[in-house]
Amino acid sequence: MELGQTWHHDFSFSQEQVNEFAKVTGDTNPLHLDAEYAAQTAFKQPILHGMLGACVFSKVFGTIFPGPKSIYLSQSLDFKKAMLPGTEYRAEFEVIEALPERKRFRVRTCIVLPLSGEIFTDGEAWLRVR
């Protein structure tokens, strides 16, 4: 990894995956699972758990960029807008601080709509890369 390096990863989650995430975490808020309930809210339909969307950061860091030689140390998150099942999103990454002598890197992490660039989740992560 080096300062200024970028990466992106396109993804989406289905309602079935949202349901499975709810089972694993125990977060069974009807806003995520019940279409009738969600229809009565400002969102009008079920939304993703914020942490389900943010899980993509862990996937990318651990398997793709920088991959298995990384250790995910910390993450800040700002959930700006609700994410919807079945929508295609893009996770974007940029190395914004590099401390190669300590094998540490700070990475801006965000989730956007690919065409508009509208930000849904924003944050920063620290990684240790062996």
Protein backbone atom coordinates (compact mmCIF):
# COMPACT_ATOMS: atom_id res chain seq x y z
CA MET A 1 0.00 0.00 0.00
CA GLU A 2 1.13 3.55 -0.64
CA LEU A 3 -0.16 7.05 -0.01
CA GLY A 4 -2.82 8.07 -2.54
CA GLN A 5 -3.51 4.51 -3.70
CA THR A 6 -7.19 3.85 -4.44
CA TRP A 7 -9.40 0.83 -4.94
CA HIS A 8 -13.11 0.20 -5.45
CA HIS A 9 -15.43 -2.79 -5.15
CA ASP A 10 -19.00 -3.01 -6.46
CA PHE A 11 -21.54 -4.96 -4.42
CA SER A 12 -25.18 -5.35 -3.40
CA PHE A 13 -27.08 -7.27 -0.75
CA SER A 14 -30.38 -9.08 -1.29
CA GLN A 15 -33.27 -9.09 1.18
CA GLU A 16 -32.42 -12.73 1.87
CA GLN A 17 -28.91 -11.68 2.92
CA VAL A 18 -30.41 -8.96 5.14
CA ASN A 19 -32.60 -11.64 6.76
CA GLU A 20 -29.57 -13.89 7.32
CA PHE A 21 -27.59 -10.99 8.84
CA ALA A 22 -30.49 -10.38 11.24
CA LYS A 23 -30.39 -14.04 12.31
CA VAL A 24 -26.63 -13.98 12.88
CA THR A 25 -26.58 -10.68 14.80
CA GLY A 26 -29.95 -10.86 16.55
CA ASP A 27 -30.88 -7.40 15.20
CA THR A 28 -34.43 -8.22 14.14
CA ASN A 29 -35.66 -4.63 13.96
CA PRO A 30 -38.72 -4.78 11.65
CA LEU A 31 -37.32 -1.83 9.70
CA HIS A 32 -34.94 -4.35 8.11
CA LEU A 33 -37.25 -7.35 7.82
CA ASP A 34 -40.93 -6.41 7.56
CA ALA A 35 -42.07 -4.72 4.33
CA GLU A 36 -45.45 -3.71 5.83
CA TYR A 37 -43.80 -2.11 8.84
CA ALA A 38 -41.12 -0.40 6.73
CA ALA A 39 -43.80 0.97 4.36
CA GLN A 40 -45.10 3.08 7.26
CA THR A 41 -41.69 4.71 7.81
CA ALA A 42 -39.83 7.46 5.97
CA PHE A 43 -37.93 4.76 4.05
CA LYS A 44 -41.10 3.12 2.59
CA GLN A 45 -39.30 -0.23 2.30
CA PRO A 46 -36.91 -2.41 4.32
CA ILE A 47 -33.38 -1.06 4.61
CA LEU A 48 -30.01 -2.72 5.18
CA HIS A 49 -28.47 -2.83 8.63
CA GLY A 50 -25.76 -0.18 8.58
CA MET A 51 -23.19 -2.71 9.74
CA LEU A 52 -24.14 -5.13 6.96
CA GLY A 53 -23.26 -2.47 4.40
CA ALA A 54 -20.03 -1.68 6.23
CA CYS A 55 -19.07 -5.38 6.27
CA VAL A 56 -17.86 -4.89 2.71
CA PHE A 57 -14.86 -3.00 4.10
CA SER A 58 -13.75 -6.08 6.03
CA LYS A 59 -14.26 -8.30 2.98
CA VAL A 60 -12.12 -6.08 0.78
CA PHE A 61 -9.35 -5.50 3.34
CA GLY A 62 -9.08 -9.18 4.21
CA THR A 63 -9.33 -10.71 0.75
CA ILE A 64 -8.63 -8.16 -2.01
CA PHE A 65 -7.02 -4.84 -1.03
CA PRO A 66 -4.50 -5.23 0.46
CA GLY A 67 -5.57 -8.83 1.13
CA PRO A 68 -4.65 -11.62 3.55
CA LYS A 69 -1.47 -9.89 4.79
CA SER A 70 -3.52 -7.14 6.43
CA ILE A 71 -4.89 -6.81 9.94
CA TYR A 72 -7.94 -4.57 10.31
CA LEU A 73 -7.20 -2.46 13.40
CA SER A 74 -10.03 0.08 13.60
CA GLN A 75 -12.88 1.69 11.70
CA SER A 76 -14.92 4.87 12.12
CA LEU A 77 -18.30 4.99 10.42
CA ASP A 78 -20.82 7.69 9.59
CA PHE A 79 -24.09 6.32 8.22
CA LYS A 80 -25.32 9.20 6.04
CA LYS A 81 -28.19 7.56 4.13
CA ALA A 82 -30.11 4.31 4.32
CA MET A 83 -29.03 1.56 1.94
CA LEU A 84 -31.60 -0.62 0.17
CA PRO A 85 -31.54 -4.34 -0.65
CA GLY A 86 -30.96 -5.05 -4.33
CA THR A 87 -29.24 -1.74 -5.05
CA GLU A 88 -25.76 -1.78 -6.58
CA TYR A 89 -23.27 0.19 -4.48
CA ARG A 90 -19.55 0.87 -4.75
CA ALA A 91 -17.13 0.72 -1.82
CA GLU A 92 -14.29 3.17 -2.38
CA PHE A 93 -10.93 3.14 -0.63
CA GLU A 94 -8.08 5.66 -0.57
CA VAL A 95 -4.85 5.45 1.43
CA ILE A 96 -4.71 8.83 3.17
CA GLU A 97 -1.84 8.23 5.59
CA ALA A 98 1.09 5.85 5.32
CA LEU A 99 3.43 4.90 8.13
CA PRO A 100 5.43 2.19 6.35
CA GLU A 101 8.07 1.98 9.08
CA ARG A 102 5.26 0.89 11.45
CA LYS A 103 3.43 -1.05 8.72
CA ARG A 104 0.34 1.08 9.40
CA PHE A 105 -1.98 2.71 6.86
CA ARG A 106 -5.03 4.93 7.28
CA VAL A 107 -7.64 4.41 4.59
CA ARG A 108 -10.70 6.50 3.79
CA THR A 109 -13.65 4.17 3.32
CA CYS A 110 -16.94 5.12 1.75
CA ILE A 111 -19.96 3.55 0.11
CA VAL A 112 -21.45 5.43 -2.84
CA LEU A 113 -23.86 5.02 -5.71
CA PRO A 114 -21.56 4.32 -8.67
CA LEU A 115 -23.12 6.76 -11.15
CA SER A 116 -23.88 9.75 -8.93
CA GLY A 117 -21.17 9.41 -6.28
CA GLU A 118 -23.82 10.02 -3.60
CA ILE A 119 -22.31 8.96 -0.26
CA PHE A 120 -24.19 6.49 1.96
CA THR A 121 -21.48 5.50 4.46
CA ASP A 122 -18.26 7.34 5.18
CA GLY A 123 -15.36 6.61 7.49
CA GLU A 124 -11.70 5.78 8.03
CA ALA A 125 -9.88 2.57 8.83
CA TRP A 126 -6.44 1.74 10.16
CA LEU A 127 -4.67 -1.34 8.84
CA ARG A 128 -1.46 -3.12 9.67
CA VAL A 129 0.06 -4.73 6.61
CA ARG A 130 2.74 -7.38 7.07
